[in-house]
PDB file of N, CA and C in Angstrom:
ATOM      1  N   UNK A   1       0.824  -1.198   0.000  1.00  0.00           N
ATOM      2  CA  UNK A   1       0.000   0.000   0.000  1.00  0.00           C
ATOM      3  C   UNK A   1       0.865   1.257   0.000  1.00  0.00           C
ATOM      4  N   UNK A   2       1.904   1.263   0.820  1.00  0.00           N
ATOM      5  CA  UNK A   2       2.786   2.420   0.870  1.00  0.00           C
ATOM      6  C   UNK A   2       3.472   2.638  -0.467  1.00  0.00           C
ATOM      7  N   UNK A   3       3.786   1.544  -1.137  1.00  0.00           N
ATOM      8  CA  UNK A   3       4.445   1.647  -2.442  1.00  0.00           C
ATOM      9  C   UNK A   3       3.518   2.315  -3.466  1.00  0.00           C
ATOM     10  N   UNK A   4       2.253   1.931  -3.444  1.00  0.00           N
ATOM     11  CA  UNK A   4       1.275   2.533  -4.361  1.00  0.00           C
ATOM     12  C   UNK A   4       1.113   4.022  -4.085  1.00  0.00           C
ATOM     13  N   UNK A   5       1.039   4.395  -2.815  1.00  0.00           N
ATOM     14  CA  UNK A   5       0.910   5.809  -2.452  1.00  0.00           C
ATOM     15  C   UNK A   5       2.149   6.578  -2.882  1.00  0.00           C
ATOM     16  N   UNK A   6       3.314   5.975  -2.687  1.00  0.00           N
ATOM     17  CA  UNK A   6       4.559   6.629  -3.090  1.00  0.00           C
ATOM     18  C   UNK A   6       4.619   6.817  -4.601  1.00  0.00           C
ATOM     19  N   UNK A   7       4.193   5.802  -5.362  1.00  0.00           N
ATOM     20  CA  UNK A   7       4.168   5.911  -6.822  1.00  0.00           C
ATOM     21  C   UNK A   7       3.191   6.992  -7.276  1.00  0.00           C
ATOM     22  N   UNK A   8       2.036   7.055  -6.634  1.00  0.00           N
ATOM     23  CA  UNK A   8       1.050   8.082  -6.977  1.00  0.00           C
ATOM     24  C   UNK A   8       1.598   9.475  -6.666  1.00  0.00           C
ATOM     25  N   UNK A   9       2.236   9.619  -5.530  1.00  0.00           N
ATOM     26  CA  UNK A   9       2.819  10.899  -5.153  1.00  0.00           C
ATOM     27  C   UNK A   9       3.898  11.325  -6.140  1.00  0.00           C
ATOM     28  N   UNK A  10       4.735  10.385  -6.571  1.00  0.00           N
ATOM     29  CA  UNK A  10       5.778  10.710  -7.542  1.00  0.00           C
ATOM     30  C   UNK A  10       5.203  11.068  -8.904  1.00  0.00           C
ATOM     31  N   UNK A  11       4.130  10.374  -9.310  1.00  0.00           N
ATOM     32  CA  UNK A  11       3.539  10.678 -10.614  1.00  0.00           C
ATOM     33  C   UNK A  11       2.829  12.032 -10.610  1.00  0.00           C
ATOM     34  N   UNK A  12       2.309  12.443  -9.449  1.00  0.00           N
ATOM     35  CA  UNK A  12       1.631  13.743  -9.365  1.00  0.00           C
ATOM     36  C   UNK A  12       2.596  14.903  -9.175  1.00  0.00           C
ATOM     37  N   UNK A  13       3.843  14.611  -8.900  1.00  0.00           N
ATOM     38  CA  UNK A  13       4.801  15.683  -8.653  1.00  0.00           C
ATOM     39  C   UNK A  13       5.551  16.098  -9.916  1.00  0.00           C
ATOM     40  N   UNK A  14       5.251  15.487 -11.054  1.00  0.00           N
ATOM     41  CA  UNK A  14       5.916  15.890 -12.283  1.00  0.00           C
ATOM     42  C   UNK A  14       5.329  17.204 -12.791  1.00  0.00           C
ATOM     43  N   UNK A  15       6.076  17.866 -13.643  1.00  0.00           N
ATOM     44  CA  UNK A  15       5.645  19.167 -14.151  1.00  0.00           C
ATOM     45  C   UNK A  15       4.359  19.045 -14.971  1.00  0.00           C
ATOM     46  N   UNK A  16       4.286  18.020 -15.797  1.00  0.00           N
ATOM     47  CA  UNK A  16       3.096  17.835 -16.642  1.00  0.00           C
ATOM     48  C   UNK A  16       1.859  17.569 -15.786  1.00  0.00           C
ATOM     49  N   UNK A  17       2.002  16.775 -14.745  1.00  0.00           N
ATOM     50  CA  UNK A  17       0.869  16.483 -13.865  1.00  0.00           C
ATOM     51  C   UNK A  17       0.387  17.745 -13.156  1.00  0.00           C
ATOM     52  N   UNK A  18       1.326  18.555 -12.712  1.00  0.00           N
ATOM     53  CA  UNK A  18       0.949  19.806 -12.050  1.00  0.00           C
ATOM     54  C   UNK A  18       0.218  20.733 -13.007  1.00  0.00           C
ATOM     55  N   UNK A  19       0.651  20.752 -14.265  1.00  0.00           N
ATOM     56  CA  UNK A  19      -0.021  21.588 -15.256  1.00  0.00           C
ATOM     57  C   UNK A  19      -1.431  21.091 -15.538  1.00  0.00           C
ATOM     58  N   UNK A  20      -1.610  19.774 -15.617  1.00  0.00           N
ATOM     59  CA  UNK A  20      -2.935  19.205 -15.865  1.00  0.00           C
ATOM     60  C   UNK A  20      -3.866  19.504 -14.685  1.00  0.00           C
ATOM     61  N   UNK A  21      -3.364  19.329 -13.475  1.00  0.00           N
ATOM     62  CA  UNK A  21      -4.172  19.591 -12.292  1.00  0.00           C
ATOM     63  C   UNK A  21      -4.568  21.059 -12.221  1.00  0.00           C
ATOM     64  N   UNK A  22      -3.633  21.952 -12.516  1.00  0.00           N
ATOM     65  CA  UNK A  22      -3.963  23.380 -12.475  1.00  0.00           C
ATOM     66  C   UNK A  22      -4.951  23.748 -13.578  1.00  0.00           C
ATOM     67  N   UNK A  23      -4.847  23.122 -14.737  1.00  0.00           N
ATOM     68  CA  UNK A  23      -5.802  23.387 -15.817  1.00  0.00           C
ATOM     69  C   UNK A  23      -7.213  22.955 -15.409  1.00  0.00           C
ATOM     70  N   UNK A  24      -7.335  21.766 -14.831  1.00  0.00           N
ATOM     71  CA  UNK A  24      -8.635  21.313 -14.356  1.00  0.00           C
ATOM     72  C   UNK A  24      -9.166  22.229 -13.263  1.00  0.00           C
ATOM     73  N   UNK A  25      -8.297  22.657 -12.358  1.00  0.00           N
ATOM     74  CA  UNK A  25      -8.718  23.528 -11.261  1.00  0.00           C
ATOM     75  C   UNK A  25      -9.265  24.849 -11.792  1.00  0.00           C
ATOM     76  N   UNK A  26      -8.583  25.415 -12.785  1.00  0.00           N
ATOM     77  CA  UNK A  26      -9.041  26.676 -13.366  1.00  0.00           C
ATOM     78  C   UNK A  26     -10.392  26.489 -14.049  1.00  0.00           C
ATOM     79  N   UNK A  27     -10.567  25.391 -14.762  1.00  0.00           N
ATOM     80  CA  UNK A  27     -11.848  25.145 -15.424  1.00  0.00           C
ATOM     81  C   UNK A  27     -12.965  24.912 -14.418  1.00  0.00           C
ATOM     82  N   UNK A  28     -12.690  24.159 -13.369  1.00  0.00           N
ATOM     83  CA  UNK A  28     -13.717  23.856 -12.375  1.00  0.00           C
ATOM     84  C   UNK A  28     -14.126  25.110 -11.613  1.00  0.00           C
ATOM     85  N   UNK A  29     -13.177  25.967 -11.272  1.00  0.00           N
ATOM     86  CA  UNK A  29     -13.519  27.186 -10.535  1.00  0.00           C
ATOM     87  C   UNK A  29     -14.024  28.299 -11.455  1.00  0.00           C
ATOM     88  N   UNK A  30     -13.632  28.269 -12.717  1.00  0.00           N
ATOM     89  CA  UNK A  30     -14.026  29.327 -13.644  1.00  0.00           C
ATOM     90  C   UNK A  30     -15.486  29.292 -14.022  1.00  0.00           C
ATOM     91  N   UNK A  31     -16.050  28.116 -14.122  1.00  0.00           N
ATOM     92  CA  UNK A  31     -17.457  28.000 -14.524  1.00  0.00           C
ATOM     93  C   UNK A  31     -18.390  28.604 -13.468  1.00  0.00           C
ATOM     94  N   UNK A  32     -18.277  28.217 -12.189  1.00  0.00           N
ATOM     95  CA  UNK A  32     -19.155  28.865 -11.197  1.00  0.00           C
ATOM     96  C   UNK A  32     -18.880  30.361 -11.052  1.00  0.00           C
ATOM     97  N   UNK A  33     -17.632  30.744 -11.163  1.00  0.00           N
ATOM     98  CA  UNK A  33     -17.297  32.165 -11.070  1.00  0.00           C
ATOM     99  C   UNK A  33     -17.942  32.951 -12.213  1.00  0.00           C
ATOM    100  N   UNK A  34     -17.943  32.389 -13.411  1.00  0.00           N
ATOM    101  CA  UNK A  34     -18.599  33.036 -14.545  1.00  0.00           C
ATOM    102  C   UNK A  34     -20.100  33.145 -14.356  1.00  0.00           C
ATOM    103  N   UNK A  35     -20.705  32.108 -13.795  1.00  0.00           N
ATOM    104  CA  UNK A  35     -22.144  32.157 -13.543  1.00  0.00           C
ATOM    105  C   UNK A  35     -22.504  33.225 -12.504  1.00  0.00           C
ATOM    106  N   UNK A  36     -21.738  33.294 -11.443  1.00  0.00           N
ATOM    107  CA  UNK A  36     -21.997  34.292 -10.405  1.00  0.00           C
ATOM    108  C   UNK A  36     -21.797  35.696 -10.962  1.00  0.00           C
ATOM    109  N   UNK A  37     -20.724  35.890 -11.728  1.00  0.00           N
ATOM    110  CA  UNK A  37     -20.461  37.193 -12.335  1.00  0.00           C
ATOM    111  C   UNK A  37     -21.594  37.592 -13.270  1.00  0.00           C
ATOM    112  N   UNK A  38     -22.079  36.637 -14.045  1.00  0.00           N
ATOM    113  CA  UNK A  38     -23.180  36.912 -14.958  1.00  0.00           C
ATOM    114  C   UNK A  38     -24.445  37.301 -14.201  1.00  0.00           C
ATOM    115  N   UNK A  39     -24.723  36.623 -13.097  1.00  0.00           N
ATOM    116  CA  UNK A  39     -25.916  36.963 -12.309  1.00  0.00           C
ATOM    117  C   UNK A  39     -25.796  38.362 -11.714  1.00  0.00           C
ATOM    118  N   UNK A  40     -24.618  38.698 -11.215  1.00  0.00           N
ATOM    119  CA  UNK A  40     -24.416  40.033 -10.631  1.00  0.00           C
ATOM    120  C   UNK A  40     -24.543  41.113 -11.702  1.00  0.00           C
ATOM    121  N   UNK A  41     -23.929  40.891 -12.856  1.00  0.00           N
ATOM    122  CA  UNK A  41     -24.020  41.877 -13.932  1.00  0.00           C
ATOM    123  C   UNK A  41     -25.455  42.030 -14.438  1.00  0.00           C
ATOM    124  N   UNK A  42     -26.179  40.919 -14.541  1.00  0.00           N
ATOM    125  CA  UNK A  42     -27.563  40.993 -14.999  1.00  0.00           C
ATOM    126  C   UNK A  42     -28.401  41.831 -14.051  1.00  0.00           C
ATOM    127  N   UNK A  43     -28.240  41.593 -12.761  1.00  0.00           N
ATOM    128  CA  UNK A  43     -29.031  42.347 -11.784  1.00  0.00           C
ATOM    129  C   UNK A  43     -28.621  43.816 -11.769  1.00  0.00           C
ATOM    130  N   UNK A  44     -27.324  44.084 -11.875  1.00  0.00           N
ATOM    131  CA  UNK A  44     -26.830  45.455 -11.796  1.00  0.00           C
ATOM    132  C   UNK A  44     -27.173  46.252 -13.054  1.00  0.00           C
ATOM    133  N   UNK A  45     -26.977  45.654 -14.237  1.00  0.00           N
ATOM    134  CA  UNK A  45     -27.161  46.390 -15.495  1.00  0.00           C
ATOM    135  C   UNK A  45     -28.607  46.397 -15.986  1.00  0.00           C
ATOM    136  N   UNK A  46     -29.368  45.381 -15.668  1.00  0.00           N
ATOM    137  CA  UNK A  46     -30.714  45.275 -16.205  1.00  0.00           C
ATOM    138  C   UNK A  46     -30.682  44.575 -17.554  1.00  0.00           C
ATOM    139  N   UNK A  47     -31.850  44.216 -18.080  1.00  0.00           N
ATOM    140  CA  UNK A  47     -31.894  43.419 -19.311  1.00  0.00           C
ATOM    141  C   UNK A  47     -31.298  44.112 -20.531  1.00  0.00           C
ATOM    142  N   UNK A  48     -31.607  45.385 -20.738  1.00  0.00           N
ATOM    143  CA  UNK A  48     -31.147  46.074 -21.943  1.00  0.00           C
ATOM    144  C   UNK A  48     -29.636  46.277 -21.936  1.00  0.00           C
ATOM    145  N   UNK A  49     -29.105  46.810 -20.850  1.00  0.00           N
ATOM    146  CA  UNK A  49     -27.665  47.050 -20.794  1.00  0.00           C
ATOM    147  C   UNK A  49     -26.869  45.750 -20.743  1.00  0.00           C
ATOM    148  N   UNK A  50     -27.422  44.712 -20.099  1.00  0.00           N
ATOM    149  CA  UNK A  50     -26.724  43.431 -20.093  1.00  0.00           C
ATOM    150  C   UNK A  50     -26.683  42.832 -21.493  1.00  0.00           C
ATOM    151  N   UNK A  51     -27.749  43.022 -22.251  1.00  0.00           N
ATOM    152  CA  UNK A  51     -27.746  42.571 -23.646  1.00  0.00           C
ATOM    153  C   UNK A  51     -26.689  43.293 -24.457  1.00  0.00           C
ATOM    154  N   UNK A  52     -26.566  44.599 -24.265  1.00  0.00           N
ATOM    155  CA  UNK A  52     -25.523  45.360 -24.952  1.00  0.00           C
ATOM    156  C   UNK A  52     -24.135  44.879 -24.541  1.00  0.00           C
ATOM    157  N   UNK A  53     -23.958  44.632 -23.231  1.00  0.00           N
ATOM    158  CA  UNK A  53     -22.684  44.126 -22.728  1.00  0.00           C
ATOM    159  C   UNK A  53     -22.354  42.768 -23.346  1.00  0.00           C
ATOM    160  N   UNK A  54     -23.338  41.882 -23.396  1.00  0.00           N
ATOM    161  CA  UNK A  54     -23.118  40.551 -23.964  1.00  0.00           C
ATOM    162  C   UNK A  54     -22.767  40.637 -25.441  1.00  0.00           C
ATOM    163  N   UNK A  55     -23.437  41.513 -26.159  1.00  0.00           N
ATOM    164  CA  UNK A  55     -23.153  41.682 -27.582  1.00  0.00           C
ATOM    165  C   UNK A  55     -21.719  42.163 -27.796  1.00  0.00           C
ATOM    166  N   UNK A  56     -21.306  43.167 -27.038  1.00  0.00           N
ATOM    167  CA  UNK A  56     -19.932  43.664 -27.172  1.00  0.00           C
ATOM    168  C   UNK A  56     -18.920  42.605 -26.749  1.00  0.00           C
ATOM    169  N   UNK A  57     -19.236  41.845 -25.731  1.00  0.00           N
ATOM    170  CA  UNK A  57     -18.336  40.795 -25.278  1.00  0.00           C
ATOM    171  C   UNK A  57     -18.144  39.733 -26.366  1.00  0.00           C
ATOM    172  N   UNK A  58     -19.220  39.342 -27.017  1.00  0.00           N
ATOM    173  CA  UNK A  58     -19.126  38.361 -28.099  1.00  0.00           C
ATOM    174  C   UNK A  58     -18.309  38.920 -29.261  1.00  0.00           C
ATOM    175  N   UNK A  59     -18.493  40.199 -29.571  1.00  0.00           N
ATOM    176  CA  UNK A  59     -17.723  40.806 -30.660  1.00  0.00           C
ATOM    177  C   UNK A  59     -16.227  40.799 -30.342  1.00  0.00           C
ATOM    178  N   UNK A  60     -15.861  41.165 -29.120  1.00  0.00           N
ATOM    179  CA  UNK A  60     -14.444  41.156 -28.741  1.00  0.00           C
ATOM    180  C   UNK A  60     -13.873  39.741 -28.737  1.00  0.00           C
ATOM    181  N   UNK A  61     -14.634  38.767 -28.238  1.00  0.00           N
ATOM    182  CA  UNK A  61     -14.153  37.387 -28.235  1.00  0.00           C
ATOM    183  C   UNK A  61     -13.979  36.855 -29.652  1.00  0.00           C
ATOM    184  N   UNK A  62     -14.908  37.186 -30.530  1.00  0.00           N
ATOM    185  CA  UNK A  62     -14.781  36.759 -31.926  1.00  0.00           C
ATOM    186  C   UNK A  62     -13.537  37.353 -32.564  1.00  0.00           C
ATOM    187  N   UNK A  63     -13.322  38.644 -32.356  1.00  0.00           N
ATOM    188  CA  UNK A  63     -12.148  39.295 -32.930  1.00  0.00           C
ATOM    189  C   UNK A  63     -10.867  38.708 -32.348  1.00  0.00           C
ATOM    190  N   UNK A  64     -10.866  38.426 -31.053  1.00  0.00           N
ATOM    191  CA  UNK A  64      -9.684  37.850 -30.413  1.00  0.00           C
ATOM    192  C   UNK A  64      -9.341  36.505 -31.029  1.00  0.00           C
ATOM    193  N   UNK A  65     -10.340  35.633 -31.173  1.00  0.00           N
ATOM    194  CA  UNK A  65     -10.082  34.307 -31.739  1.00  0.00           C
ATOM    195  C   UNK A  65      -9.714  34.400 -33.211  1.00  0.00           C
ATOM    196  N   UNK A  66     -10.309  35.323 -33.912  1.00  0.00           N
ATOM    197  CA  UNK A  66      -9.990  35.470 -35.334  1.00  0.00           C
ATOM    198  C   UNK A  66      -8.536  35.884 -35.522  1.00  0.00           C
ATOM    199  N   UNK A  67      -8.078  36.877 -34.757  1.00  0.00           N
ATOM    200  CA  UNK A  67      -6.695  37.331 -34.900  1.00  0.00           C
ATOM    201  C   UNK A  67      -5.710  36.377 -34.253  1.00  0.00           C
ATOM    202  N   UNK A  68      -6.113  35.698 -33.209  1.00  0.00           N
ATOM    203  CA  UNK A  68      -5.215  34.779 -32.513  1.00  0.00           C
ATOM    204  C   UNK A  68      -4.900  33.585 -33.402  1.00  0.00           C
ATOM    205  N   UNK A  69      -5.867  33.084 -34.135  1.00  0.00           N
ATOM    206  CA  UNK A  69      -5.657  31.925 -35.008  1.00  0.00           C
ATOM    207  C   UNK A  69      -4.778  32.301 -36.192  1.00  0.00           C
ATOM    208  N   UNK A  70      -4.921  33.484 -36.703  1.00  0.00           N
ATOM    209  CA  UNK A  70      -4.174  33.879 -37.892  1.00  0.00           C
ATOM    210  C   UNK A  70      -2.733  34.280 -37.610  1.00  0.00           C
ATOM    211  N   UNK A  71      -2.374  34.526 -36.378  1.00  0.00           N
ATOM    212  CA  UNK A  71      -0.998  34.938 -36.103  1.00  0.00           C
ATOM    213  C   UNK A  71      -0.273  33.910 -35.334  1.00  0.00           C
TER     214      UNK A  71
END
C-alpha cells in the first residue's frame, strides 16, 4: 500500500501532472465564477444594458479568436 501511495505521489509531482491539475482547477472554478459574475451583472445592469454588454463581449471574443488563429 505504501508503495502505491509513493508511486502516486511521484507521478503527481511531475511538471506535466501539475499543469494538468492546475488546468482542471481553473476550469472547475471558472465556470461557477462566470455564472456568479453573470448573475451580478444581470441584476446590476438590467436586461437592456446586459444585452448590450453581452453583444460587445461576443464581438471582442470573436475578434480575439480570429486574430489569434491567424498569427
